[in-house]
Amino acid sequence: METSRIALPIGTALDRFIKNNQDQFQYTSGELSQLLRDIALASKVVNREINKAGLIDIMGAMGSQNTGGEQQQKLDVLANIRFTRALTKGGEACALISEETESYVDLNNQGKYVIAIDPLDGSSNIDVNVSILIRHDSDFKTKSAQFLCD
C-alpha cells in the first residue's frame, strides 16, 4: 500500500476557511460569508442532482433557448431554480442575473449583492461525460446593486 497518499492533508472546508479568515477584516459583517455559503449550498444540491440525472430523467433538451441562444437543457433549468431558491432564502443577494432567464430576477429581499451566474456551464456535455462547471461572479458595485434593489 502506498503510504505517501494516505498521509496527504485533506484541505480546508469552505465554512472553516471563512470562519478562520473573516476576522482579519475589521469591517466584516458576515454578509459576504453567508452569500458564499448560499452559493456553496446550491452548488452541492446541483451536484447531487447531476449525479442522479440519468436515473430520474432530467437529462436532455428542454425545448427552449437561453439568453445566449443555446438549446436549454433540463439540468440548466433545474440548476437555475436551485440557485434562485438558495439565494432567495439566504437573503444576502437582492438580484440574480442568469444566462437562463431573459432579465434579472428580483429576489425580493434587502440584500446588498447582485449575482451574475451561468448555473451550469456545459450541461449539454453531461451525456457524453465531458466536464461541466458552475460559474458565478458577485457584483460589489453599490450603484448597480442599488439600481436593481430599489
Foldseek 3Di string as FASTA:
>chain_A
DDVVVVPDDPDDDLLVVCVVPVVVDPPDDCLVVLVVVLVVVLVVVLVVCLVCCVVPPQFDFPQDAFQVRDGHGSSQVVSVVSSLVSCLVSQQAQWEAERRDPGIGGSPHDHQKYKYWSRKAPSNCSVVPDDIDIDMDIDNDRVVSVVSND
